[in-house]
Protein backbone atom coordinates (compact mmCIF):
# COMPACT_ATOMS: atom_id res chain seq x y z
CA MET A 1 -63.23 63.67 -20.34
CA PRO A 2 -60.79 60.79 -19.69
CA ARG A 3 -60.65 59.41 -16.20
CA ARG A 4 -57.64 60.42 -14.12
CA SER A 5 -55.39 57.47 -13.41
CA ARG A 6 -54.81 56.51 -9.81
CA ILE A 7 -51.54 57.33 -8.10
CA ALA A 8 -50.15 54.56 -5.89
CA PHE A 9 -46.76 53.83 -4.37
CA ALA A 10 -44.99 50.97 -2.65
CA TYR A 11 -44.35 51.33 1.09
CA CYS A 12 -46.76 54.25 1.41
CA PRO A 13 -50.12 54.42 3.24
CA HIS A 14 -53.13 55.14 1.04
CA HIS A 15 -56.61 56.34 1.90
CA ILE A 16 -59.06 54.24 -0.12
CA VAL A 17 -62.78 54.91 -0.51
CA GLN A 18 -65.20 52.62 -2.32
CA ARG A 19 -68.88 53.40 -2.66
CA GLY A 20 -71.97 51.44 -3.56
CA HIS A 21 -73.36 51.76 -7.08
CA CYS A 22 -75.40 55.00 -7.27
CA HIS A 23 -74.66 55.45 -3.54
CA GLN A 24 -76.85 52.46 -2.67
CA ASP A 25 -76.27 50.44 0.51
CA VAL A 26 -73.67 47.69 0.31
CA PHE A 27 -74.12 46.42 3.87
CA LEU A 28 -77.62 45.24 4.62
CA SER A 29 -76.90 43.40 7.87
CA ASP A 30 -74.18 42.75 10.42
CA PHE A 31 -73.51 39.43 8.66
CA ASP A 32 -72.50 41.40 5.57
CA ARG A 33 -70.06 43.46 7.61
CA ILE A 34 -68.60 40.41 9.35
CA ASP A 35 -68.07 38.68 6.00
CA TYR A 36 -66.42 41.77 4.51
CA LEU A 37 -64.02 42.13 7.44
CA ALA A 38 -63.15 38.43 7.25
CA THR A 39 -62.23 38.86 3.59
CA LEU A 40 -60.25 41.99 4.44
CA ALA A 41 -58.24 40.11 7.07
CA GLU A 42 -57.64 37.23 4.66
CA CYS A 43 -56.47 39.53 1.88
CA ARG A 44 -54.19 41.45 4.22
CA GLU A 45 -52.42 38.20 5.05
CA ALA A 46 -52.33 36.83 1.50
CA LEU A 47 -51.03 40.06 -0.06
CA GLN A 48 -48.74 41.00 2.85
CA LEU A 49 -50.37 44.40 3.25
CA LYS A 50 -50.47 46.63 6.28
CA LEU A 51 -53.93 47.77 7.33
CA PHE A 52 -53.93 50.79 9.62
CA ALA A 53 -57.59 51.87 9.73
CA TYR A 54 -61.03 51.04 8.35
CA CYS A 55 -64.66 52.07 8.59
CA LEU A 56 -67.67 50.32 7.10
CA MET A 57 -70.57 52.67 6.49
CA SER A 58 -73.90 51.57 5.03
CA ASN A 59 -73.05 52.58 1.47
CA HIS A 60 -69.29 53.00 1.40
CA VAL A 61 -66.00 51.85 2.88
CA HIS A 62 -62.88 53.67 4.07
CA LEU A 63 -59.52 51.92 4.36
CA VAL A 64 -55.99 53.10 5.16
CA VAL A 65 -53.63 50.57 3.61
CA ASP A 66 -49.90 50.27 2.91
CA PRO A 67 -49.41 47.90 -0.06
CA GLY A 68 -45.86 46.92 0.90
CA GLU A 69 -43.32 46.35 -1.85
CA ASN A 70 -45.84 46.21 -4.70
CA ALA A 71 -48.23 49.12 -5.25
CA MET A 72 -50.36 46.86 -7.45
CA ASN A 73 -51.45 45.04 -4.29
CA LEU A 74 -53.96 47.83 -3.71
CA GLY A 75 -55.76 46.98 -6.93
CA LEU A 76 -55.69 43.26 -6.12
CA LEU A 77 -57.08 43.95 -2.65
CA MET A 78 -59.98 46.04 -3.88
CA LYS A 79 -60.79 43.62 -6.71
CA ARG A 80 -61.04 40.71 -4.26
CA LEU A 81 -63.02 42.66 -1.69
CA ALA A 82 -65.50 43.99 -4.25
CA GLY A 83 -65.86 40.71 -6.10
CA ARG A 84 -66.46 38.52 -3.09
CA HIS A 85 -68.82 40.95 -1.43
CA SER A 86 -70.85 41.36 -4.64
CA ARG A 87 -71.14 37.59 -5.07
CA ARG A 88 -72.28 37.13 -1.46
CA LEU A 89 -74.99 39.77 -1.69
CA ASN A 90 -76.08 38.58 -5.12
CA ARG A 91 -76.56 35.04 -3.82
CA ARG A 92 -78.44 36.14 -0.72
CA ASN A 93 -80.71 38.60 -2.48
CA SER A 94 -81.07 37.06 -5.98
CA TRP A 95 -79.32 40.06 -7.52
CA SER A 96 -76.83 40.21 -10.37
CA GLY A 97 -73.86 42.38 -11.29
CA SER A 98 -71.53 44.47 -9.19
CA ILE A 99 -72.93 46.39 -6.23
CA TRP A 100 -70.01 48.88 -6.29
CA GLU A 101 -69.11 51.93 -8.30
CA SER A 102 -66.81 51.00 -11.15
CA ARG A 103 -63.73 52.62 -9.61
CA TYR A 104 -62.56 52.99 -6.06
CA LYS A 105 -60.84 56.19 -4.94
CA CYS A 106 -57.22 56.13 -3.79
CA SER A 107 -55.04 58.83 -2.23
CA PRO A 108 -51.41 58.33 -1.12
CA ILE A 109 -50.83 59.90 2.30
CA GLU A 110 -47.87 61.95 3.50
CA THR A 111 -46.98 59.87 6.57
CA GLU A 112 -45.36 62.49 8.79
CA ARG A 113 -47.99 65.19 8.29
CA TYR A 114 -51.30 63.55 7.45
CA LEU A 115 -51.41 59.87 8.37
CA LEU A 116 -52.62 60.46 11.92
CA THR A 117 -55.22 63.00 10.79
CA CYS A 118 -56.44 60.69 8.02
CA GLY A 119 -56.83 57.83 10.52
CA ARG A 120 -58.86 60.09 12.81
CA TYR A 121 -60.94 61.14 9.82
CA VAL A 122 -61.74 57.49 9.02
CA ASP A 123 -62.57 56.56 12.62
CA LEU A 124 -64.81 59.63 13.03
CA ASN A 125 -66.87 58.93 9.91
CA PRO A 126 -69.93 57.55 11.81
CA VAL A 127 -69.85 60.54 14.18
CA ARG A 128 -69.84 63.04 11.29
CA ALA A 129 -72.71 61.10 9.71
CA GLY A 130 -74.74 61.41 12.93
CA ILE A 131 -74.98 57.65 13.47
CA VAL A 132 -73.33 57.75 16.89
CA SER A 133 -72.21 60.49 19.27
CA PHE A 134 -68.88 58.86 20.12
CA PRO A 135 -66.62 56.75 17.87
CA ALA A 136 -66.35 54.01 20.52
CA ASP A 137 -70.10 53.37 20.09
CA TYR A 138 -69.65 52.25 16.49
CA ALA A 139 -68.76 48.58 16.06
CA TRP A 140 -67.62 48.67 12.43
CA SER A 141 -64.58 50.93 12.48
CA SER A 142 -61.00 50.55 13.66
CA TYR A 143 -61.40 53.14 16.42
CA ARG A 144 -61.88 50.73 19.33
CA ALA A 145 -58.75 48.78 18.41
CA ARG A 146 -56.68 51.90 17.68
CA ALA A 147 -57.78 53.46 20.98
CA GLY A 148 -56.93 50.33 22.98
CA ILE A 149 -60.55 49.59 23.93
CA ALA A 150 -60.72 46.29 22.01
CA SER A 151 -58.24 44.01 20.27
CA CYS A 152 -57.93 43.25 16.56
CA ALA A 153 -55.21 40.77 15.64
CA TRP A 154 -55.16 41.71 11.94
CA LEU A 155 -55.00 45.50 12.37
CA ASP A 156 -51.45 46.84 12.08
CA MET A 157 -49.93 49.47 14.31
CA ASP A 158 -50.24 52.86 12.64
CA PRO A 159 -46.71 54.37 12.69
CA ALA A 160 -48.24 57.78 13.43
CA ILE A 161 -49.89 56.37 16.58
CA GLU A 162 -46.69 54.56 17.50
CA ALA A 163 -44.85 57.88 17.44
CA LEU A 164 -47.26 59.51 19.92
CA ALA A 165 -45.65 58.11 23.07
CA ASP A 166 -43.09 55.63 24.37
CA THR A 167 -45.52 53.08 25.82
CA GLU A 168 -48.54 51.27 24.44
CA SER A 169 -50.95 52.60 27.05
CA ARG A 170 -49.82 56.20 26.56
CA ARG A 171 -50.12 55.91 22.78
CA ARG A 172 -53.70 54.66 23.01
CA LEU A 173 -54.64 57.32 25.56
CA ARG A 174 -53.13 60.06 23.43
CA TYR A 175 -55.00 58.80 20.39
CA ARG A 176 -58.29 58.89 22.28
CA GLU A 177 -57.52 62.47 23.26
CA LEU A 178 -56.72 63.47 19.68
CA VAL A 179 -59.89 61.91 18.31
CA GLY A 180 -61.82 64.02 20.80
CA GLU A 181 -60.40 67.17 19.20
CA ALA A 182 -61.88 68.66 16.04
CA ILE A 183 -60.02 68.09 12.78
CA ASP A 184 -58.84 71.35 11.26
CA ASP A 185 -61.20 72.52 8.50
CA GLN A 186 -58.38 72.82 5.97
CA ASP A 187 -57.15 69.31 6.74
CA LEU A 188 -60.70 67.99 6.49
CA ALA A 189 -61.17 69.61 3.09
CA LEU A 190 -57.81 68.33 1.86
CA ILE A 191 -58.49 64.72 2.90
CA ARG A 192 -61.97 64.73 1.38
CA GLY A 193 -60.89 66.38 -1.85
CA ALA A 194 -57.78 64.24 -2.31
CA ALA A 195 -59.73 61.01 -1.86
CA HIS A 196 -62.51 62.19 -4.15
CA ARG A 197 -60.11 63.14 -6.95
CA ASN A 198 -57.42 60.43 -6.60
CA GLN A 199 -54.86 63.02 -5.55
CA LEU A 200 -52.16 63.18 -2.87
CA THR A 201 -53.06 63.78 0.76
CA GLY A 202 -50.09 65.90 1.70
CA SER A 203 -48.32 69.23 1.80
CA SER A 204 -47.01 71.14 -1.21
CA ASP A 205 -43.51 69.86 -0.37
CA PHE A 206 -44.79 66.28 -0.47
CA VAL A 207 -46.45 66.90 -3.84
CA ALA A 208 -43.24 68.42 -5.21
CA LYS A 209 -41.15 65.50 -3.95
CA VAL A 210 -43.48 62.95 -5.50
CA ALA A 211 -43.44 64.86 -8.80
CA CYS A 212 -39.64 64.90 -8.72
CA ASP A 213 -39.43 61.18 -7.92
CA GLN A 214 -41.92 60.33 -10.66
CA GLY A 215 -40.35 62.67 -13.19
CA LYS A 216 -43.69 64.21 -14.09
CA LEU A 217 -46.28 66.69 -12.88
CA VAL A 218 -48.56 65.20 -10.23
CA PRO A 219 -51.94 66.98 -10.09
CA ASN A 220 -53.09 67.76 -6.59
CA ARG A 221 -55.65 70.51 -6.94
CA ALA A 222 -58.86 70.65 -8.93
CA ARG A 223 -61.36 73.33 -9.83
CA GLY A 224 -64.56 73.52 -7.91
CA ARG A 225 -65.64 71.38 -5.01
CA PRO A 226 -66.62 67.70 -4.92
CA ARG A 227 -70.33 66.96 -4.87
CA LYS A 228 -71.86 66.40 -1.49
CA HIS A 229 -74.55 63.79 -0.81
CA LEU A 230 -76.83 64.08 2.16
CA HIS A 231 -76.57 60.40 3.10
CA ASP A 232 -72.96 60.16 2.22
CA PRO A 233 -71.00 62.96 3.92
CA ASP A 234 -67.56 61.52 3.38
């Protein structure tokens, strides 16, 4: 069966997931995570992207990225991130080859309806995995910066968070409150499935609009359910 091509758009946030080869760990130490984030910050600046959220798990990465005027920036970003991180780990551990799956997953997000939920989903990844009880206890996600607990100069303001209130402090407080609420089961299933299958994270109206704009049918549902891995819940 041929692989489904990715869907990507300019000036649109995308939920990106990249996993280690055969679900193996890609971060073996905090130094690996620091290096990866440094490359992420560098690429954001070089490619003029907007980065709204991230989470580094032991064997996979979540990003929420707007590529700006050129949708191809997403591919350039992921190529640089994967290549540099593979070379670093190969040098340190006397390995060879790529440490990543051959293809990252990418899902354009309907901003008005799903961007805030998708950001919460990314920030809550370590809680769902049972690594921490509270997202603020995890050092390798965007939650602390998005909630106003810490600063991150290279993380962009999520427009969905910006729309929550009229002041910075109220926005951050409201986001902390929202993260404390459970994500609706249907939304959770949609976000997971869309990312897994390179489909749209959005409503049926959003899918129809994209199909109209593209002049072709845009698949957004698949038969069956994505496989679930015990170490890799999301």
